[in-house]
Amino acid sequence: GFCLNRTFLCSIFAFPATMRSFGTVFMMFLSLASTTSSANPLSKTNQLQNLTYSHIRGFSYQPSFGGSGQYVWGDQFDVQTIVEEMKIGLRIFPKVNALRLWMSPDAFVLNPKRVTDDWTNLLDTVRNHPELAHLKFVVTLWNAWSSFPEWGVLTESQIGWSHDLYPGSGGYDVFQQFLNAIVRPQANNPQILTWDIMNEPPINTTVPSHPTTPKIYYNWLKYIRNYMKRNITVSQPVGISQANCYPFCSLREELLDLSDVWLIHPYWIPPTKKSEYRAFLDEVVVRANAEKKAVLCTETCWGYLDNKKRATTCEFQLAELVSRGIGIMPHALHWSKVADLHRPGEGPISGAGYMAFVEKNNSLRQYHGFYNKF
């Protein structure tokens, strides 16, 4: 079995990598047992000690109007639609205080000035809006999750464009240009909750890959972190969102060591037992406490086309996280053309089904009002 969780499907069956990773998806899930919304009582050893992010109630968010990063941050960028969808989300879920935004280095390469201006305009517009001014953002800079349509994936060959990692490689260092334009001007902006260097790098998974892949990505992640911390000197914490769905994906020390805050994606996908999921979260808490680290869940809640099934499984996951003091940002706030955020007939459907909380018509998805309990 293997897991690349939302990026890579968790499965107990030895099939090839899935549509949420690099290939064709084959779904073989057992029937879901009914779940409850309350977590089991926990001892003090199960409680996170660093509660810096325990108050976070938010979502991962991708705008409705584009299916890829190049489109969202391209010529069709629409700040008014983004603001409107944020407002709708907060009216439905009034406790929301943070959103996770996904940047597009690919769009930046095509038009650096426009993307930089749109990014600055978005932050300014939100800060000056009375309904949104309190929002904080987890900003995901690069992505390794592969999908149909593709959001935009940083490949091993693209990493080779780095002058610092590969002197004499030719071309230009797009990484530093991107960081200098997107991160440096916001290095002290209180709107930024944390910088998320990469969404789900292929390091802590068991899907067979080229043996040098983990090292290549690790060296790049370390290089990016060092540039942000030492050259730009960001004031905000820096983390890396890693794929986690027990027991198929592990917490990797390499990623944790590079992270000021641990950003996790603990998806529970039956037939994995609830007890196994709880045990994994307990492991996260124990290890975080040993390192005195805070933990923030920047994705969770596996998708289903069935509204009730999705709501029931999601409520269980969020209850377990909150009971341990872990802040929650499930995937995802709003319907979108982006992969896994729409229904059949509106785009390709993977094993992750449909993951939105707010429908295309801006209404609450059926049964998903449970979120307000947290």
Foldseek 3Di string as FASTA:
>chain_A
DKALDQLWHDDPDPDATDQQHPDHFDDDFDDDDFFDLADDDDDPLLAFDQLPQLLAAAAEADFAEDAAQLCCLHPNPDLVSVVVLVLLLCVLQVSHAEYEEEHDLVNCVVPVVSSLVSLVVNLVVQCPDPSRVRHAYAYEYAEQRQHVVGRDHDDLVNLLQQCVVPPPSDDHHSLVVSCVRNPLVCLPPPSYQEYADYAAQPQFMDRDDDPCRNVSVLVSLLVSLCCCCPVSNRPHWYAHEHEDEPPRGDDDPSRVVSGQAYEYEHEYGPVPDPVRSLVRSSVVSNVCVVVVHHYEHREYQQAAQDLVVSLRRVSNVVNSQSSNSYHYHYPRAEAHSHAQQDAPPSGDHIPSHHGYQAYPVSHGRPNNSCSNVD
